[in-house]
Amino acid sequence: MISTKGRYALRVLIDLARNDNGRYIPLKEVAERQDISKKYLEIIVKDLVAGGILTGASGKGGGYKLCRKPEEYSVGEILELMEGSLSSVVCLSIKGFDCPNKTKCPTLPMWEEFDTLVHDFFYNKKLSDLIQ
């Protein structure tokens, strides 16, 4: 399940892209337009900045803006930054995890196929697709 953190991160990025005027956009404005607590958005944008999705500036004229063009961001990259692994089962979510049942698990191929569908869906969807 995608949490509010992941969903709100997408809303913040869409808002910043739609209102891009070349300057930093104050978080207060985004919070008001999106009807999301500014305090909660501060947590979200901190992760987005740390992940190289946003850049921020403090003080007069400060705020946030995208580091790249909207078409250069995949929804998958954003969601994985905010949510962690999008894998459906633990044996596929931990890199290098060696499940003792891997060779005899009848459901593993199904989970691998499902995870591939989810991955491809989100990584083929761009932030710019959501702005339209």
C-alpha atoms as a PDB file:
ATOM      1  CA  MET A   1       0.000   0.000   0.000  1.00  0.00           C
ATOM      2  CA  ILE A   2       1.284   3.467  -0.858  1.00  0.00           C
ATOM      3  CA  SER A   3       1.211   5.670   2.245  1.00  0.00           C
ATOM      4  CA  THR A   4       0.168   9.304   2.520  1.00  0.00           C
ATOM      5  CA  LYS A   5       3.864  10.163   2.497  1.00  0.00           C
ATOM      6  CA  GLY A   6       4.266   8.760  -1.015  1.00  0.00           C
ATOM      7  CA  ARG A   7       0.988  10.196  -2.282  1.00  0.00           C
ATOM      8  CA  TYR A   8       1.652  13.637  -0.800  1.00  0.00           C
ATOM      9  CA  ALA A   9       5.180  13.673  -2.218  1.00  0.00           C
ATOM     10  CA  LEU A  10       3.674  13.254  -5.677  1.00  0.00           C
ATOM     11  CA  ARG A  11       1.164  16.033  -4.990  1.00  0.00           C
ATOM     12  CA  VAL A  12       3.952  18.373  -3.835  1.00  0.00           C
ATOM     13  CA  LEU A  13       6.011  17.679  -6.940  1.00  0.00           C
ATOM     14  CA  ILE A  14       3.020  18.141  -9.238  1.00  0.00           C
ATOM     15  CA  ASP A  15       2.196  21.426  -7.489  1.00  0.00           C
ATOM     16  CA  LEU A  16       5.778  22.684  -7.815  1.00  0.00           C
ATOM     17  CA  ALA A  17       5.853  21.724 -11.498  1.00  0.00           C
ATOM     18  CA  ARG A  18       2.516  23.384 -12.244  1.00  0.00           C
ATOM     19  CA  ASN A  19       3.506  26.582 -10.449  1.00  0.00           C
ATOM     20  CA  ASP A  20       7.096  26.736 -11.683  1.00  0.00           C
ATOM     21  CA  ASN A  21       8.063  30.316 -12.383  1.00  0.00           C
ATOM     22  CA  GLY A  22      11.825  29.839 -12.163  1.00  0.00           C
ATOM     23  CA  ARG A  23      11.919  30.878  -8.506  1.00  0.00           C
ATOM     24  CA  TYR A  24      11.738  28.911  -5.291  1.00  0.00           C
ATOM     25  CA  ILE A  25       8.161  28.304  -4.160  1.00  0.00           C
ATOM     26  CA  PRO A  26       7.441  28.670  -0.431  1.00  0.00           C
ATOM     27  CA  LEU A  27       6.199  25.481   1.215  1.00  0.00           C
ATOM     28  CA  LYS A  28       3.422  27.464   2.867  1.00  0.00           C
ATOM     29  CA  GLU A  29       1.901  28.131  -0.572  1.00  0.00           C
ATOM     30  CA  VAL A  30       2.081  24.471  -1.541  1.00  0.00           C
ATOM     31  CA  ALA A  31       0.518  23.433   1.785  1.00  0.00           C
ATOM     32  CA  GLU A  32      -2.365  25.863   1.276  1.00  0.00           C
ATOM     33  CA  ARG A  33      -3.039  24.820  -2.322  1.00  0.00           C
ATOM     34  CA  GLN A  34      -2.857  21.122  -1.468  1.00  0.00           C
ATOM     35  CA  ASP A  35      -4.659  21.421   1.882  1.00  0.00           C
ATOM     36  CA  ILE A  36      -1.877  19.468   3.610  1.00  0.00           C
ATOM     37  CA  SER A  37      -0.256  20.356   6.930  1.00  0.00           C
ATOM     38  CA  LYS A  38       2.912  22.412   6.424  1.00  0.00           C
ATOM     39  CA  LYS A  39       4.548  20.463   9.272  1.00  0.00           C
ATOM     40  CA  TYR A  40       3.909  17.169   7.478  1.00  0.00           C
ATOM     41  CA  LEU A  41       5.151  18.601   4.184  1.00  0.00           C
ATOM     42  CA  GLU A  42       8.386  19.685   5.879  1.00  0.00           C
ATOM     43  CA  ILE A  43       9.116  16.029   6.630  1.00  0.00           C
ATOM     44  CA  ILE A  44       8.319  15.025   3.060  1.00  0.00           C
ATOM     45  CA  VAL A  45      10.380  17.738   1.341  1.00  0.00           C
ATOM     46  CA  LYS A  46      13.343  16.974   3.597  1.00  0.00           C
ATOM     47  CA  ASP A  47      13.391  13.449   2.150  1.00  0.00           C
ATOM     48  CA  LEU A  48      12.875  14.778  -1.390  1.00  0.00           C
ATOM     49  CA  VAL A  49      15.823  17.153  -1.000  1.00  0.00           C
ATOM     50  CA  ALA A  50      18.017  14.410   0.489  1.00  0.00           C
ATOM     51  CA  GLY A  51      17.051  12.159  -2.429  1.00  0.00           C
ATOM     52  CA  GLY A  52      18.031  14.745  -5.042  1.00  0.00           C
ATOM     53  CA  ILE A  53      14.470  15.302  -6.244  1.00  0.00           C
ATOM     54  CA  LEU A  54      14.097  18.866  -4.947  1.00  0.00           C
ATOM     55  CA  THR A  55      16.388  21.727  -4.145  1.00  0.00           C
ATOM     56  CA  GLY A  56      15.597  24.158  -1.367  1.00  0.00           C
ATOM     57  CA  ALA A  57      16.625  27.620  -0.260  1.00  0.00           C
ATOM     58  CA  SER A  58      15.926  29.297   3.064  1.00  0.00           C
ATOM     59  CA  GLY A  59      15.309  32.927   3.914  1.00  0.00           C
ATOM     60  CA  LYS A  60      13.612  35.629   1.896  1.00  0.00           C
ATOM     61  CA  GLY A  61      12.743  34.286  -1.535  1.00  0.00           C
ATOM     62  CA  GLY A  62      13.291  30.746  -0.292  1.00  0.00           C
ATOM     63  CA  GLY A  63      11.270  27.634  -0.846  1.00  0.00           C
ATOM     64  CA  TYR A  64      11.568  24.614  -3.086  1.00  0.00           C
ATOM     65  CA  LYS A  65      11.800  23.726  -6.756  1.00  0.00           C
ATOM     66  CA  LEU A  66      12.416  20.677  -8.886  1.00  0.00           C
ATOM     67  CA  CYS A  67      16.006  19.746  -9.684  1.00  0.00           C
ATOM     68  CA  ARG A  68      15.055  18.444 -13.129  1.00  0.00           C
ATOM     69  CA  LYS A  69      12.285  18.790 -15.687  1.00  0.00           C
ATOM     70  CA  PRO A  70       9.034  16.926 -14.828  1.00  0.00           C
ATOM     71  CA  GLU A  71       9.498  14.509 -17.738  1.00  0.00           C
ATOM     72  CA  GLU A  72      12.818  13.401 -16.229  1.00  0.00           C
ATOM     73  CA  TYR A  73      11.229  12.025 -13.038  1.00  0.00           C
ATOM     74  CA  SER A  74       9.609   8.617 -12.934  1.00  0.00           C
ATOM     75  CA  VAL A  75       6.820   8.032 -10.459  1.00  0.00           C
ATOM     76  CA  GLY A  76       8.651   4.845  -9.465  1.00  0.00           C
ATOM     77  CA  GLU A  77      11.782   6.705  -8.408  1.00  0.00           C
ATOM     78  CA  ILE A  78       9.712   9.082  -6.276  1.00  0.00           C
ATOM     79  CA  LEU A  79       7.648   6.350  -4.642  1.00  0.00           C
ATOM     80  CA  GLU A  80      10.666   4.172  -3.878  1.00  0.00           C
ATOM     81  CA  LEU A  81      12.436   7.130  -2.303  1.00  0.00           C
ATOM     82  CA  MET A  82       9.451   7.828  -0.072  1.00  0.00           C
ATOM     83  CA  GLU A  83       8.188   4.284   0.546  1.00  0.00           C
ATOM     84  CA  GLY A  84      11.216   2.062   0.200  1.00  0.00           C
ATOM     85  CA  SER A  85      10.856  -1.123  -1.787  1.00  0.00           C
ATOM     86  CA  LEU A  86       7.635  -1.553  -3.740  1.00  0.00           C
ATOM     87  CA  SER A  87       8.040  -5.341  -3.672  1.00  0.00           C
ATOM     88  CA  SER A  88       5.004  -7.367  -2.747  1.00  0.00           C
ATOM     89  CA  VAL A  89       6.798  -9.964  -0.603  1.00  0.00           C
ATOM     90  CA  VAL A  90       9.789  -9.757   1.714  1.00  0.00           C
ATOM     91  CA  CYS A  91      11.867 -12.330  -0.156  1.00  0.00           C
ATOM     92  CA  LEU A  92      11.913  -9.984  -3.169  1.00  0.00           C
ATOM     93  CA  SER A  93      12.181  -6.709  -1.270  1.00  0.00           C
ATOM     94  CA  ILE A  94      15.575  -7.308   0.344  1.00  0.00           C
ATOM     95  CA  LYS A  95      18.483  -7.322  -2.093  1.00  0.00           C
ATOM     96  CA  GLY A  96      20.654 -10.368  -1.592  1.00  0.00           C
ATOM     97  CA  PHE A  97      18.047 -12.129   0.553  1.00  0.00           C
ATOM     98  CA  ASP A  98      18.481 -15.852   0.079  1.00  0.00           C
ATOM     99  CA  CYS A  99      15.171 -17.490   0.898  1.00  0.00           C
ATOM    100  CA  PRO A 100      15.608 -21.138   1.881  1.00  0.00           C
ATOM    101  CA  ASN A 101      12.401 -21.969  -0.022  1.00  0.00           C
ATOM    102  CA  LYS A 102      13.382 -20.144  -3.209  1.00  0.00           C
ATOM    103  CA  THR A 103      13.878 -23.268  -5.333  1.00  0.00           C
ATOM    104  CA  LYS A 104      10.696 -24.980  -4.175  1.00  0.00           C
ATOM    105  CA  CYS A 105       8.310 -22.041  -3.701  1.00  0.00           C
ATOM    106  CA  PRO A 106       5.426 -22.435  -6.149  1.00  0.00           C
ATOM    107  CA  THR A 107       4.293 -18.817  -5.689  1.00  0.00           C
ATOM    108  CA  LEU A 108       7.635 -17.055  -6.261  1.00  0.00           C
ATOM    109  CA  PRO A 109       7.242 -16.764 -10.062  1.00  0.00           C
ATOM    110  CA  MET A 110       3.843 -15.129  -9.548  1.00  0.00           C
ATOM    111  CA  TRP A 111       5.271 -12.554  -7.101  1.00  0.00           C
ATOM    112  CA  GLU A 112       8.176 -11.857  -9.447  1.00  0.00           C
ATOM    113  CA  GLU A 113       5.768 -11.282 -12.331  1.00  0.00           C
ATOM    114  CA  PHE A 114       3.548  -9.037 -10.207  1.00  0.00           C
ATOM    115  CA  ASP A 115       6.527  -6.992  -8.977  1.00  0.00           C
ATOM    116  CA  THR A 116       7.730  -6.561 -12.554  1.00  0.00           C
ATOM    117  CA  LEU A 117       4.295  -5.257 -13.578  1.00  0.00           C
ATOM    118  CA  VAL A 118       4.241  -2.781 -10.673  1.00  0.00           C
ATOM    119  CA  HIS A 119       7.828  -1.675 -11.303  1.00  0.00           C
ATOM    120  CA  ASP A 120       7.294  -1.180 -15.020  1.00  0.00           C
ATOM    121  CA  PHE A 121       4.012   0.673 -14.478  1.00  0.00           C
ATOM    122  CA  PHE A 122       5.474   3.196 -12.026  1.00  0.00           C
ATOM    123  CA  TYR A 123       8.835   3.592 -13.761  1.00  0.00           C
ATOM    124  CA  ASN A 124       7.200   4.175 -17.139  1.00  0.00           C
ATOM    125  CA  LYS A 125       4.886   6.829 -15.702  1.00  0.00           C
ATOM    126  CA  LYS A 126       6.540  10.258 -15.590  1.00  0.00           C
ATOM    127  CA  LEU A 127       5.746  13.179 -13.326  1.00  0.00           C
ATOM    128  CA  SER A 128       4.869  15.141 -16.459  1.00  0.00           C
ATOM    129  CA  ASP A 129       2.125  12.571 -17.208  1.00  0.00           C
ATOM    130  CA  LEU A 130       0.397  13.562 -13.960  1.00  0.00           C
ATOM    131  CA  ILE A 131       0.535  17.284 -14.676  1.00  0.00           C
ATOM    132  CA  GLN A 132      -1.586  17.096 -17.826  1.00  0.00           C
END
